[in-house]
Amino acid sequence: ELTGLKLPACSAILHMGACSSTTETNETYLRENNFEYTRSLAQYCLKKDVRFIYASSAATYGAGEHGYSDDESLLETLAPLNLYGASKQRFDLWAKEVGALKDIVGLKYFNVFGPNEYHKGDMQSMVRKGFLQVRDAGVLNLFKSYKSGYGDGGQERDFLYVRDAVAMTLFFLEHEDVAGIYNVGSGRARNWNDLASAVFKAMDKKVDIKYIEMPESIRDQYQYHTCAEMGKIRAAGYTGTTASLEEEISDYVNNYLLPDKHLG
């Protein structure tokens, strides 16, 4: 029995659940859900010799002043910009401190998008949010930039289609000899304007982007660039490839969003 739940016999636990809101301000809630619960699951798995794979986050990299390397020797240098990222970082550091990273796997997911995210409300990807905006109003809203060197909509992210995120995750389920913390991304940085243009193209609509003010409450917490270093997962043996952002968005829009279909 674990935290009130009776777990059936299993060979692995993939723990993807968490409060993933980057604007959450309840530190106690984040500590209990993102750190303490994850720690309980990890301790259970370590005790029972069960494979444990958990979701960390690219939010742990903060503004990227120390890069985006998943080298575990650099964990202590990272400075998350929000409480969500800090809660994920706290577990990563605990796992390293107790020596668990030789047995468990932490995956730093970057900006994942794709089918079956429809229940996530405000935490849906900008691909789906943008699709809904274009469908309903013909315009897609993006935040203005408040940092020199980045134009409006020029803020960059490492976008990853969910099928590729799943493939990378299953690699670790299938290779029990691999452990530690790994980035899960495309290894390419693209900006929000690129994403918006791809949504319009996939919907066969004229590009119409409106740049809106970013709430002051998140301006100091906003990441202007993320890009996963993918050398470590490659060295571990992962050989999968990712398509272009435009191809992935076209697949998502035309095969799932327009026909209102789910995956599976």
Protein backbone atom coordinates (compact mmCIF):
# COMPACT_ATOMS: atom_id res chain seq x y z
CA GLU A 1 0.00 0.00 0.00
CA LEU A 2 1.33 3.45 -0.92
CA THR A 3 -0.17 6.81 0.05
CA GLY A 4 -3.61 5.24 0.29
CA LEU A 5 -3.36 3.36 -3.02
CA LYS A 6 -3.01 -0.38 -3.39
CA LEU A 7 -0.62 -1.05 -6.25
CA PRO A 8 -0.88 -4.30 -8.19
CA ALA A 9 2.24 -6.31 -8.90
CA CYS A 10 4.12 -4.65 -11.74
CA SER A 11 7.53 -4.53 -13.35
CA ALA A 12 7.61 -0.78 -14.01
CA ILE A 13 5.94 2.49 -13.10
CA LEU A 14 5.92 5.43 -15.52
CA HIS A 15 5.08 8.45 -13.38
CA MET A 16 3.96 11.28 -15.66
CA GLY A 17 1.46 12.89 -13.29
CA ALA A 18 2.09 16.24 -11.61
CA CYS A 19 0.85 19.77 -11.31
CA SER A 20 2.43 21.12 -14.50
CA SER A 21 1.20 24.71 -14.30
CA THR A 22 4.12 27.10 -14.61
CA THR A 23 2.00 29.80 -12.98
CA GLU A 24 1.01 27.81 -9.87
CA THR A 25 1.78 29.82 -6.73
CA ASN A 26 0.80 27.28 -4.02
CA GLU A 27 4.19 26.02 -2.92
CA THR A 28 2.71 23.50 -0.48
CA TYR A 29 0.55 21.97 -3.22
CA LEU A 30 3.55 21.66 -5.53
CA ARG A 31 5.73 20.19 -2.80
CA GLU A 32 3.16 17.55 -1.91
CA ASN A 33 2.21 16.59 -5.47
CA ASN A 34 5.43 17.05 -7.42
CA PHE A 35 8.08 16.22 -4.84
CA GLU A 36 6.74 14.20 -1.93
CA TYR A 37 4.42 11.95 -3.95
CA THR A 38 7.11 11.31 -6.56
CA ARG A 39 9.58 10.51 -3.78
CA SER A 40 7.12 8.02 -2.26
CA LEU A 41 6.71 6.26 -5.61
CA ALA A 42 10.48 6.17 -6.14
CA GLN A 43 11.10 4.74 -2.69
CA TYR A 44 8.46 2.08 -3.31
CA CYS A 45 10.01 1.10 -6.64
CA LEU A 46 13.53 1.02 -5.26
CA LYS A 47 12.39 -1.20 -2.38
CA LYS A 48 10.42 -3.56 -4.65
CA ASP A 49 12.99 -3.60 -7.49
CA VAL A 50 10.45 -2.05 -9.87
CA ARG A 51 11.60 0.04 -12.82
CA PHE A 52 10.79 3.73 -12.16
CA ILE A 53 10.60 6.33 -14.94
CA TYR A 54 9.40 9.81 -13.99
CA ALA A 55 8.76 13.12 -15.68
CA SER A 56 11.15 15.91 -14.81
CA SER A 57 10.93 19.06 -16.94
CA ALA A 58 12.81 21.51 -19.15
CA ALA A 59 11.49 24.15 -16.73
CA THR A 60 14.35 23.13 -14.44
CA TYR A 61 16.77 24.88 -16.83
CA GLY A 62 15.33 28.30 -16.02
CA ALA A 63 16.60 31.04 -18.31
CA GLY A 64 19.22 28.70 -19.72
CA GLU A 65 22.17 30.64 -18.35
CA HIS A 66 23.87 27.30 -17.65
CA GLY A 67 22.76 25.70 -20.89
CA TYR A 68 20.43 22.75 -21.48
CA SER A 69 22.71 19.84 -20.71
CA ASP A 70 21.35 16.76 -18.94
CA ASP A 71 24.77 16.09 -17.40
CA GLU A 72 23.92 15.21 -13.81
CA SER A 73 27.06 16.89 -12.49
CA LEU A 74 25.46 20.22 -13.45
CA LEU A 75 22.15 19.72 -11.62
CA GLU A 76 23.07 21.97 -8.70
CA THR A 77 23.82 24.89 -11.02
CA LEU A 78 20.33 25.07 -12.51
CA ALA A 79 18.01 27.91 -11.47
CA PRO A 80 14.32 27.37 -12.33
CA LEU A 81 12.28 30.52 -12.91
CA ASN A 82 9.04 29.33 -11.30
CA LEU A 83 7.77 27.16 -8.47
CA TYR A 84 6.77 24.36 -10.83
CA GLY A 85 10.32 24.09 -12.20
CA ALA A 86 11.70 24.30 -8.65
CA SER A 87 9.49 21.40 -7.53
CA LYS A 88 10.81 19.24 -10.36
CA GLN A 89 14.38 20.31 -9.64
CA ARG A 90 13.92 19.43 -5.97
CA PHE A 91 13.14 15.82 -6.82
CA ASP A 92 16.00 15.56 -9.31
CA LEU A 93 18.39 16.77 -6.61
CA TRP A 94 16.95 14.37 -4.03
CA ALA A 95 17.36 11.45 -6.45
CA LYS A 96 20.97 12.42 -7.03
CA GLU A 97 21.68 12.93 -3.33
CA VAL A 98 20.42 9.48 -2.30
CA GLY A 99 22.13 7.74 -5.23
CA ALA A 100 18.87 6.74 -6.91
CA LEU A 101 19.87 7.97 -10.37
CA LYS A 102 21.86 4.81 -10.93
CA ASP A 103 18.59 2.87 -10.86
CA ILE A 104 15.75 5.22 -11.93
CA VAL A 105 15.15 7.42 -15.00
CA GLY A 106 14.18 11.09 -15.01
CA LEU A 107 13.04 12.58 -18.32
CA LYS A 108 13.26 16.31 -18.93
CA TYR A 109 10.43 16.82 -21.39
CA PHE A 110 10.56 19.98 -23.47
CA ASN A 111 7.46 21.49 -25.18
CA VAL A 112 5.37 18.43 -26.03
CA PHE A 113 2.23 18.78 -28.17
CA GLY A 114 -0.15 16.41 -29.88
CA PRO A 115 -3.42 14.48 -29.74
CA ASN A 116 -5.19 13.64 -26.47
CA GLU A 117 -4.17 16.85 -24.70
CA TYR A 118 -7.72 18.16 -25.01
CA HIS A 119 -8.52 17.82 -21.30
CA LYS A 120 -5.62 19.98 -20.14
CA GLY A 121 -7.35 23.35 -20.19
CA ASP A 122 -4.89 26.23 -20.07
CA MET A 123 -1.98 23.77 -20.06
CA GLN A 124 -2.73 22.58 -23.60
CA SER A 125 -0.04 23.26 -26.17
CA MET A 126 -0.08 26.44 -28.21
CA VAL A 127 -0.74 24.31 -31.28
CA ARG A 128 -4.19 23.35 -30.01
CA LYS A 129 -4.87 26.75 -28.46
CA GLY A 130 -3.86 28.41 -31.71
CA PHE A 131 -5.99 26.01 -33.75
CA LEU A 132 -9.05 26.91 -31.67
CA GLN A 133 -8.33 30.64 -31.97
CA VAL A 134 -7.95 30.45 -35.75
CA ARG A 135 -11.02 28.25 -36.12
CA ASP A 136 -13.19 30.54 -34.02
CA ALA A 137 -11.79 34.02 -34.81
CA GLY A 138 -9.30 33.73 -37.66
CA VAL A 139 -6.54 35.26 -35.51
CA LEU A 140 -3.82 33.66 -33.39
CA ASN A 141 -2.55 35.51 -30.30
CA LEU A 142 1.10 35.46 -29.27
CA PHE A 143 2.87 37.25 -26.45
CA LYS A 144 4.94 40.30 -27.19
CA SER A 145 8.64 40.13 -26.38
CA TYR A 146 10.19 42.06 -23.51
CA LYS A 147 13.79 41.00 -24.06
CA SER A 148 16.35 42.53 -26.39
CA GLY A 149 17.31 40.22 -29.25
CA TYR A 150 13.89 38.59 -29.47
CA GLY A 151 11.16 40.13 -31.59
CA ASP A 152 7.48 39.66 -30.83
CA GLY A 153 6.74 35.97 -31.30
CA GLY A 154 10.46 35.33 -31.68
CA GLN A 155 10.83 33.57 -28.33
CA GLU A 156 12.16 30.08 -28.96
CA ARG A 157 11.17 26.62 -27.78
CA ASP A 158 12.17 23.03 -28.43
CA PHE A 159 8.84 21.64 -29.68
CA LEU A 160 8.34 17.86 -29.62
CA TYR A 161 5.47 15.87 -31.11
CA VAL A 162 3.90 13.49 -28.60
CA ARG A 163 4.59 10.40 -30.71
CA ASP A 164 8.32 11.16 -30.45
CA ALA A 165 8.05 11.84 -26.72
CA VAL A 166 6.37 8.44 -26.34
CA ALA A 167 9.03 6.70 -28.45
CA MET A 168 11.81 8.17 -26.31
CA THR A 169 10.00 7.23 -23.11
CA LEU A 170 9.46 3.64 -24.26
CA PHE A 171 13.16 3.38 -25.09
CA PHE A 172 13.90 3.64 -21.38
CA LEU A 173 11.19 1.13 -20.52
CA GLU A 174 12.75 -1.34 -22.95
CA HIS A 175 16.38 -0.71 -21.88
CA GLU A 176 16.50 -1.48 -18.18
CA ASP A 177 20.27 -1.06 -18.06
CA VAL A 178 19.95 2.68 -18.80
CA ALA A 179 19.39 5.03 -15.87
CA GLY A 180 19.84 8.68 -14.94
CA ILE A 181 18.42 11.97 -16.17
CA TYR A 182 17.86 12.56 -19.89
CA ASN A 183 16.50 15.33 -22.09
CA VAL A 184 13.47 14.49 -24.22
CA GLY A 185 13.25 17.00 -27.05
CA SER A 186 13.89 17.50 -30.74
CA GLY A 187 17.25 19.20 -30.33
CA ARG A 188 15.99 22.13 -32.44
CA ALA A 189 14.79 25.56 -31.31
CA ARG A 190 11.93 27.15 -33.25
CA ASN A 191 10.00 30.29 -32.40
CA TRP A 192 6.34 30.95 -31.76
CA ASN A 193 5.96 32.71 -35.12
CA ASP A 194 7.11 29.50 -36.82
CA LEU A 195 4.54 27.51 -34.87
CA ALA A 196 1.74 29.97 -35.63
CA SER A 197 2.55 30.04 -39.34
CA ALA A 198 2.53 26.24 -39.44
CA VAL A 199 -0.91 26.16 -37.81
CA PHE A 200 -2.32 28.61 -40.38
CA LYS A 201 -0.75 26.64 -43.23
CA ALA A 202 -2.12 23.34 -41.94
CA MET A 203 -5.59 24.90 -41.74
CA ASP A 204 -5.21 26.51 -45.19
CA LYS A 205 -5.78 29.96 -43.69
CA LYS A 206 -4.10 33.31 -44.22
CA VAL A 207 -1.58 34.13 -41.48
CA ASP A 208 -2.99 36.68 -39.03
CA ILE A 209 -1.00 36.96 -35.79
CA LYS A 210 -1.88 39.43 -33.04
CA TYR A 211 0.79 40.23 -30.46
CA ILE A 212 -0.66 40.74 -27.00
CA GLU A 213 0.76 41.94 -23.70
CA MET A 214 2.30 39.30 -21.48
CA PRO A 215 0.87 39.38 -17.94
CA GLU A 216 3.30 41.13 -15.63
CA SER A 217 3.02 38.25 -13.18
CA ILE A 218 4.92 35.91 -15.53
CA ARG A 219 7.31 38.29 -17.32
CA ASP A 220 10.17 37.56 -14.94
CA GLN A 221 9.51 33.81 -15.13
CA TYR A 222 9.33 33.54 -18.91
CA GLN A 223 11.82 31.42 -20.85
CA TYR A 224 13.00 33.07 -24.08
CA HIS A 225 14.94 30.10 -25.41
CA THR A 226 15.01 26.36 -24.82
CA CYS A 227 16.78 23.68 -26.82
CA ALA A 228 17.51 20.17 -25.61
CA GLU A 229 21.02 18.80 -25.84
CA MET A 230 20.38 15.31 -27.18
CA GLY A 231 23.85 13.76 -27.09
CA LYS A 232 23.27 11.78 -23.91
CA ILE A 233 20.17 9.93 -25.09
CA ARG A 234 21.90 9.21 -28.39
CA ALA A 235 24.91 7.82 -26.55
CA ALA A 236 22.53 5.59 -24.58
CA GLY A 237 21.39 4.02 -27.85
CA TYR A 238 18.28 5.91 -28.94
CA THR A 239 18.25 6.19 -32.75
CA GLY A 240 14.80 7.60 -33.52
CA THR A 241 14.38 10.72 -35.63
CA THR A 242 11.88 13.57 -35.55
CA ALA A 243 10.09 15.22 -38.46
CA SER A 244 10.01 18.98 -39.03
CA LEU A 245 7.77 21.15 -36.89
CA GLU A 246 5.68 21.93 -39.97
CA GLU A 247 5.14 18.26 -40.79
CA GLU A 248 4.23 17.42 -37.19
CA ILE A 249 1.75 20.28 -36.88
CA SER A 250 0.19 19.35 -40.23
CA ASP A 251 -0.31 15.78 -39.01
CA TYR A 252 -1.83 16.95 -35.73
CA VAL A 253 -4.16 19.50 -37.33
CA ASN A 254 -5.34 17.45 -40.29
CA ASN A 255 -5.54 13.99 -38.72
CA TYR A 256 -6.75 14.90 -35.24
CA LEU A 257 -7.88 18.49 -34.67
CA LEU A 258 -9.90 19.18 -37.82
CA PRO A 259 -11.72 15.81 -37.72
CA ASP A 260 -11.96 16.03 -33.90
CA LYS A 261 -10.31 12.67 -33.35
CA HIS A 262 -8.40 11.17 -30.45
CA LEU A 263 -5.30 9.01 -30.57
CA GLY A 264 -6.06 5.39 -29.79
